[in-house]
Amino acid sequence: MGKAKKRSFQLGINNNFSTLTREDAVVEVVKLLRTGDKEADNLITLFGLTAEELLEGGATYEEVKGKSVFLK
């Protein structure tokens, strides 16, 4: 990986979340689903979240069904 790409990658990592647990990710995904943000897709795939976890986290059935492509 070149210097510029590596530097850009590191800057992007630091701008998002410093530390994020699985439980925090579920809460964040539920918030993002309610606002319609595309970042929810990235967090779902990054943590490998399941539909059950999101439903237990407070998401509605319709919100979870809309993201069924990304869920295991």
N, C-alpha and C. Protein backbone atom coordinates (compact mmCIF):
# COMPACT_ATOMS: atom_id res chain seq x y z
N MET A 1 0.85 -1.17 0.00
CA MET A 1 0.00 0.00 0.00
C MET A 1 0.90 1.24 0.00
N GLY A 2 0.58 2.17 -0.85
CA GLY A 2 1.36 3.39 -0.94
C GLY A 2 1.17 4.29 0.26
N LYS A 3 2.06 5.26 0.41
CA LYS A 3 2.01 6.16 1.57
C LYS A 3 0.72 6.97 1.61
N ALA A 4 0.30 7.51 0.48
CA ALA A 4 -0.89 8.36 0.45
C ALA A 4 -2.14 7.56 0.77
N LYS A 5 -2.24 6.37 0.20
CA LYS A 5 -3.41 5.54 0.45
C LYS A 5 -3.46 5.12 1.93
N LYS A 6 -2.31 4.75 2.47
CA LYS A 6 -2.25 4.34 3.86
C LYS A 6 -2.63 5.50 4.78
N ARG A 7 -2.14 6.69 4.48
CA ARG A 7 -2.45 7.87 5.28
C ARG A 7 -3.94 8.20 5.20
N SER A 8 -4.53 8.12 4.02
CA SER A 8 -5.96 8.39 3.86
C SER A 8 -6.80 7.37 4.60
N PHE A 9 -6.37 6.13 4.54
CA PHE A 9 -7.09 5.07 5.24
C PHE A 9 -7.06 5.30 6.75
N GLN A 10 -5.89 5.67 7.28
CA GLN A 10 -5.77 5.92 8.71
C GLN A 10 -6.59 7.14 9.14
N LEU A 11 -6.64 8.16 8.33
CA LEU A 11 -7.45 9.34 8.66
C LEU A 11 -8.93 8.99 8.70
N GLY A 12 -9.38 8.15 7.78
CA GLY A 12 -10.78 7.74 7.76
C GLY A 12 -11.15 6.92 8.97
N ILE A 13 -10.27 6.07 9.43
CA ILE A 13 -10.54 5.27 10.62
C ILE A 13 -10.69 6.15 11.84
N ASN A 14 -9.83 7.12 11.98
CA ASN A 14 -9.85 7.98 13.17
C ASN A 14 -11.03 8.93 13.19
N ASN A 15 -11.62 9.23 12.07
CA ASN A 15 -12.74 10.16 12.02
C ASN A 15 -14.05 9.52 12.47
N ASN A 16 -14.19 8.22 12.37
CA ASN A 16 -15.47 7.57 12.67
C ASN A 16 -15.63 7.28 14.16
N PHE A 17 -15.13 6.19 14.62
CA PHE A 17 -15.31 5.76 16.00
C PHE A 17 -13.95 5.37 16.57
N SER A 18 -13.66 5.83 17.78
CA SER A 18 -12.39 5.45 18.38
C SER A 18 -12.46 4.01 18.88
N THR A 19 -13.42 3.71 19.71
CA THR A 19 -13.66 2.33 20.15
C THR A 19 -15.16 2.08 20.10
N LEU A 20 -15.53 0.95 19.57
CA LEU A 20 -16.95 0.66 19.41
C LEU A 20 -17.16 -0.82 19.74
N THR A 21 -17.94 -1.07 20.78
CA THR A 21 -18.25 -2.44 21.13
C THR A 21 -19.42 -2.93 20.28
N ARG A 22 -19.67 -4.21 20.36
CA ARG A 22 -20.77 -4.79 19.59
C ARG A 22 -22.12 -4.21 20.04
N GLU A 23 -22.28 -4.01 21.34
CA GLU A 23 -23.52 -3.44 21.87
C GLU A 23 -23.70 -2.00 21.41
N ASP A 24 -22.61 -1.24 21.41
CA ASP A 24 -22.66 0.14 20.91
C ASP A 24 -23.00 0.16 19.42
N ALA A 25 -22.49 -0.81 18.69
CA ALA A 25 -22.76 -0.88 17.26
C ALA A 25 -24.23 -1.13 17.00
N VAL A 26 -24.86 -1.98 17.81
CA VAL A 26 -26.30 -2.25 17.64
C VAL A 26 -27.09 -0.98 17.87
N VAL A 27 -26.77 -0.25 18.93
CA VAL A 27 -27.47 1.01 19.22
C VAL A 27 -27.26 2.01 18.11
N GLU A 28 -26.04 2.11 17.62
CA GLU A 28 -25.73 3.06 16.54
C GLU A 28 -26.46 2.68 15.25
N VAL A 29 -26.53 1.39 14.94
CA VAL A 29 -27.22 0.95 13.73
C VAL A 29 -28.71 1.27 13.82
N VAL A 30 -29.31 1.07 14.99
CA VAL A 30 -30.73 1.39 15.15
C VAL A 30 -30.97 2.87 14.91
N LYS A 31 -30.08 3.72 15.45
CA LYS A 31 -30.20 5.17 15.21
C LYS A 31 -30.07 5.50 13.72
N LEU A 32 -29.08 4.87 13.07
CA LEU A 32 -28.85 5.15 11.65
C LEU A 32 -29.99 4.63 10.78
N LEU A 33 -30.60 3.51 11.17
CA LEU A 33 -31.74 3.00 10.42
C LEU A 33 -32.91 3.97 10.48
N ARG A 34 -33.09 4.59 11.62
CA ARG A 34 -34.20 5.54 11.77
C ARG A 34 -33.99 6.79 10.93
N THR A 35 -32.72 7.19 10.75
CA THR A 35 -32.45 8.38 9.94
C THR A 35 -32.27 8.06 8.47
N GLY A 36 -32.12 6.77 8.13
CA GLY A 36 -31.95 6.39 6.74
C GLY A 36 -30.53 6.54 6.24
N ASP A 37 -29.58 6.60 7.13
CA ASP A 37 -28.17 6.78 6.75
C ASP A 37 -27.60 5.47 6.19
N LYS A 38 -26.79 5.57 5.15
CA LYS A 38 -26.18 4.40 4.52
C LYS A 38 -25.06 3.79 5.37
N GLU A 39 -24.58 4.52 6.36
CA GLU A 39 -23.52 4.01 7.23
C GLU A 39 -23.98 2.78 8.02
N ALA A 40 -25.28 2.63 8.18
CA ALA A 40 -25.83 1.46 8.89
C ALA A 40 -25.42 0.18 8.18
N ASP A 41 -25.43 0.18 6.87
CA ASP A 41 -25.04 -1.01 6.10
C ASP A 41 -23.60 -1.41 6.41
N ASN A 42 -22.73 -0.43 6.52
CA ASN A 42 -21.33 -0.71 6.79
C ASN A 42 -21.13 -1.31 8.18
N LEU A 43 -21.84 -0.77 9.17
CA LEU A 43 -21.70 -1.30 10.53
C LEU A 43 -22.30 -2.69 10.64
N ILE A 44 -23.39 -2.94 9.93
CA ILE A 44 -24.01 -4.28 9.97
C ILE A 44 -23.04 -5.31 9.43
N THR A 45 -22.41 -5.01 8.31
CA THR A 45 -21.48 -5.98 7.72
C THR A 45 -20.17 -6.06 8.50
N LEU A 46 -19.72 -4.94 9.07
CA LEU A 46 -18.47 -4.94 9.82
C LEU A 46 -18.57 -5.84 11.06
N PHE A 47 -19.68 -5.73 11.78
CA PHE A 47 -19.85 -6.51 13.00
C PHE A 47 -20.58 -7.83 12.77
N GLY A 48 -21.12 -8.05 11.58
CA GLY A 48 -21.84 -9.28 11.31
C GLY A 48 -23.10 -9.39 12.15
N LEU A 49 -23.82 -8.29 12.28
CA LEU A 49 -25.01 -8.26 13.13
C LEU A 49 -26.13 -9.11 12.53
N THR A 50 -26.92 -9.69 13.41
CA THR A 50 -28.05 -10.50 12.98
C THR A 50 -29.34 -9.71 13.17
N ALA A 51 -30.39 -10.19 12.54
CA ALA A 51 -31.69 -9.53 12.65
C ALA A 51 -32.18 -9.56 14.09
N GLU A 52 -31.94 -10.66 14.79
CA GLU A 52 -32.38 -10.77 16.18
C GLU A 52 -31.72 -9.72 17.07
N GLU A 53 -30.43 -9.48 16.84
CA GLU A 53 -29.73 -8.47 17.63
C GLU A 53 -30.32 -7.09 17.42
N LEU A 54 -30.64 -6.77 16.17
CA LEU A 54 -31.20 -5.45 15.89
C LEU A 54 -32.61 -5.31 16.45
N LEU A 55 -33.40 -6.37 16.37
CA LEU A 55 -34.74 -6.32 16.94
C LEU A 55 -34.69 -6.17 18.45
N GLU A 56 -33.77 -6.87 19.10
CA GLU A 56 -33.61 -6.73 20.54
C GLU A 56 -33.07 -5.35 20.91
N GLY A 57 -32.34 -4.73 19.99
CA GLY A 57 -31.78 -3.41 20.22
C GLY A 57 -32.78 -2.28 20.04
N GLY A 58 -33.97 -2.60 19.56
CA GLY A 58 -35.00 -1.57 19.45
C GLY A 58 -35.43 -1.23 18.04
N ALA A 59 -34.90 -1.89 17.05
CA ALA A 59 -35.30 -1.62 15.66
C ALA A 59 -36.66 -2.25 15.40
N THR A 60 -37.41 -1.66 14.51
CA THR A 60 -38.71 -2.22 14.15
C THR A 60 -38.53 -3.31 13.10
N TYR A 61 -39.54 -4.12 12.95
CA TYR A 61 -39.49 -5.22 11.98
C TYR A 61 -39.27 -4.68 10.57
N GLU A 62 -39.94 -3.59 10.23
CA GLU A 62 -39.82 -3.01 8.88
C GLU A 62 -38.41 -2.52 8.60
N GLU A 63 -37.78 -1.91 9.61
CA GLU A 63 -36.41 -1.42 9.43
C GLU A 63 -35.45 -2.59 9.20
N VAL A 64 -35.64 -3.65 9.95
CA VAL A 64 -34.75 -4.81 9.82
C VAL A 64 -35.02 -5.53 8.51
N LYS A 65 -36.28 -5.66 8.14
CA LYS A 65 -36.62 -6.34 6.88
C LYS A 65 -36.05 -5.58 5.69
N GLY A 66 -35.98 -4.26 5.78
CA GLY A 66 -35.42 -3.46 4.69
C GLY A 66 -33.93 -3.69 4.51
N LYS A 67 -33.25 -4.15 5.54
CA LYS A 67 -31.81 -4.40 5.47
C LYS A 67 -31.50 -5.89 5.45
N SER A 68 -32.45 -6.71 5.07
CA SER A 68 -32.26 -8.17 5.13
C SER A 68 -31.15 -8.65 4.22
N VAL A 69 -30.77 -7.88 3.22
CA VAL A 69 -29.68 -8.26 2.32
C VAL A 69 -28.36 -8.29 3.09
N PHE A 70 -28.19 -7.38 4.06
CA PHE A 70 -26.93 -7.26 4.78
C PHE A 70 -26.88 -8.14 6.02
N LEU A 71 -28.00 -8.67 6.46
CA LEU A 71 -28.05 -9.44 7.70
C LEU A 71 -27.80 -10.90 7.44
N LYS A 72 -27.23 -11.58 8.43
CA LYS A 72 -26.98 -13.01 8.33
C LYS A 72 -28.23 -13.77 8.65
